[in-house]
Amino acid sequence: MARKTVLVCDNCGSEVGEGKGATLRLNYTDARRGSKQADLCDNCAGQMPGRAAARRGRRPKAASAA
């Protein structure tokens, strides 16, 4: 018998499709409190506050030549 894992949005409760959605991780500055994690659908993730973080590492060779 096969098993299937269904991902559900923690904010609105709707089912998140395959390859869709995001994971929001909240880290407290006080390390003793630990961290929290939430699975979100695309709509809920787009409504969350915050700004886009720059990707780390060196740029690919093709992009840096331009």
C-alpha atoms as a PDB file:
ATOM      1  CA  MET A   1       0.000   0.000   0.000  1.00  0.00           C
ATOM      2  CA  ALA A   2       1.434   3.398  -1.001  1.00  0.00           C
ATOM      3  CA  ARG A   3       1.332   6.434   1.252  1.00  0.00           C
ATOM      4  CA  LYS A   4       0.965  10.025   0.136  1.00  0.00           C
ATOM      5  CA  THR A   5       1.917  13.057   2.198  1.00  0.00           C
ATOM      6  CA  VAL A   6      -0.480  15.985   1.818  1.00  0.00           C
ATOM      7  CA  LEU A   7       0.868  19.428   2.737  1.00  0.00           C
ATOM      8  CA  VAL A   8      -1.684  21.818   4.272  1.00  0.00           C
ATOM      9  CA  CYS A   9      -1.210  25.567   4.779  1.00  0.00           C
ATOM     10  CA  ASP A  10      -0.850  26.433   8.480  1.00  0.00           C
ATOM     11  CA  ASN A  11      -2.438  29.852   7.905  1.00  0.00           C
ATOM     12  CA  CYS A  12      -5.583  29.228   5.820  1.00  0.00           C
ATOM     13  CA  GLY A  13      -5.889  25.426   5.879  1.00  0.00           C
ATOM     14  CA  SER A  14      -5.929  24.890   2.112  1.00  0.00           C
ATOM     15  CA  GLU A  15      -4.017  22.063   0.445  1.00  0.00           C
ATOM     16  CA  VAL A  16      -0.648  23.058  -1.049  1.00  0.00           C
ATOM     17  CA  GLY A  17       0.063  21.620  -4.495  1.00  0.00           C
ATOM     18  CA  GLU A  18       3.167  19.683  -5.508  1.00  0.00           C
ATOM     19  CA  GLY A  19       6.117  22.056  -5.994  1.00  0.00           C
ATOM     20  CA  LYS A  20       4.157  25.026  -4.618  1.00  0.00           C
ATOM     21  CA  GLY A  21       4.178  26.869  -1.311  1.00  0.00           C
ATOM     22  CA  ALA A  22       6.883  27.977   1.078  1.00  0.00           C
ATOM     23  CA  THR A  23       8.252  27.297   4.526  1.00  0.00           C
ATOM     24  CA  LEU A  24       8.480  30.241   6.925  1.00  0.00           C
ATOM     25  CA  ARG A  25      11.072  29.843   9.682  1.00  0.00           C
ATOM     26  CA  LEU A  26      11.070  32.203  12.647  1.00  0.00           C
ATOM     27  CA  ASN A  27      14.285  32.479  14.664  1.00  0.00           C
ATOM     28  CA  TYR A  28      14.211  34.311  17.983  1.00  0.00           C
ATOM     29  CA  THR A  29      17.164  36.448  19.022  1.00  0.00           C
ATOM     30  CA  ASP A  30      17.041  34.679  22.394  1.00  0.00           C
ATOM     31  CA  ALA A  31      18.381  31.232  21.480  1.00  0.00           C
ATOM     32  CA  ARG A  32      16.707  29.599  24.482  1.00  0.00           C
ATOM     33  CA  ARG A  33      13.268  30.106  22.901  1.00  0.00           C
ATOM     34  CA  GLY A  34      14.216  27.994  19.890  1.00  0.00           C
ATOM     35  CA  SER A  35      12.519  28.570  16.550  1.00  0.00           C
ATOM     36  CA  LYS A  36       9.148  28.035  14.875  1.00  0.00           C
ATOM     37  CA  GLN A  37       8.343  26.813  11.375  1.00  0.00           C
ATOM     38  CA  ALA A  38       5.157  27.116   9.276  1.00  0.00           C
ATOM     39  CA  ASP A  39       4.155  25.665   5.902  1.00  0.00           C
ATOM     40  CA  LEU A  40       2.364  28.231   3.725  1.00  0.00           C
ATOM     41  CA  CYS A  41       0.595  28.245   0.367  1.00  0.00           C
ATOM     42  CA  ASP A  42       1.667  30.716  -2.343  1.00  0.00           C
ATOM     43  CA  ASN A  43      -1.117  33.197  -1.501  1.00  0.00           C
ATOM     44  CA  CYS A  44      -0.349  33.307   2.226  1.00  0.00           C
ATOM     45  CA  ALA A  45       3.414  33.447   1.672  1.00  0.00           C
ATOM     46  CA  GLY A  46       3.025  36.472  -0.613  1.00  0.00           C
ATOM     47  CA  GLN A  47       1.070  38.328   2.072  1.00  0.00           C
ATOM     48  CA  MET A  48       3.694  37.820   4.792  1.00  0.00           C
ATOM     49  CA  PRO A  49       5.710  40.893   5.797  1.00  0.00           C
ATOM     50  CA  GLY A  50       9.419  41.079   5.121  1.00  0.00           C
ATOM     51  CA  ARG A  51      11.802  41.687   2.286  1.00  0.00           C
ATOM     52  CA  ALA A  52      13.561  39.445  -0.170  1.00  0.00           C
ATOM     53  CA  ALA A  53      16.977  38.301   0.996  1.00  0.00           C
ATOM     54  CA  ALA A  54      19.895  38.315  -1.400  1.00  0.00           C
ATOM     55  CA  ARG A  55      21.156  34.927  -2.497  1.00  0.00           C
ATOM     56  CA  ARG A  56      24.510  34.047  -1.074  1.00  0.00           C
ATOM     57  CA  GLY A  57      27.620  33.081  -2.968  1.00  0.00           C
ATOM     58  CA  ARG A  58      29.398  34.097  -6.124  1.00  0.00           C
ATOM     59  CA  ARG A  59      27.370  35.014  -9.217  1.00  0.00           C
ATOM     60  CA  PRO A  60      27.426  32.547 -12.104  1.00  0.00           C
ATOM     61  CA  LYS A  61      30.066  33.246 -14.746  1.00  0.00           C
ATOM     62  CA  ALA A  62      27.495  34.110 -17.460  1.00  0.00           C
ATOM     63  CA  ALA A  63      25.719  36.681 -15.252  1.00  0.00           C
ATOM     64  CA  SER A  64      28.891  38.408 -14.022  1.00  0.00           C
ATOM     65  CA  ALA A  65      30.214  38.948 -17.574  1.00  0.00           C
ATOM     66  CA  ALA A  66      27.216  41.131 -18.494  1.00  0.00           C
END
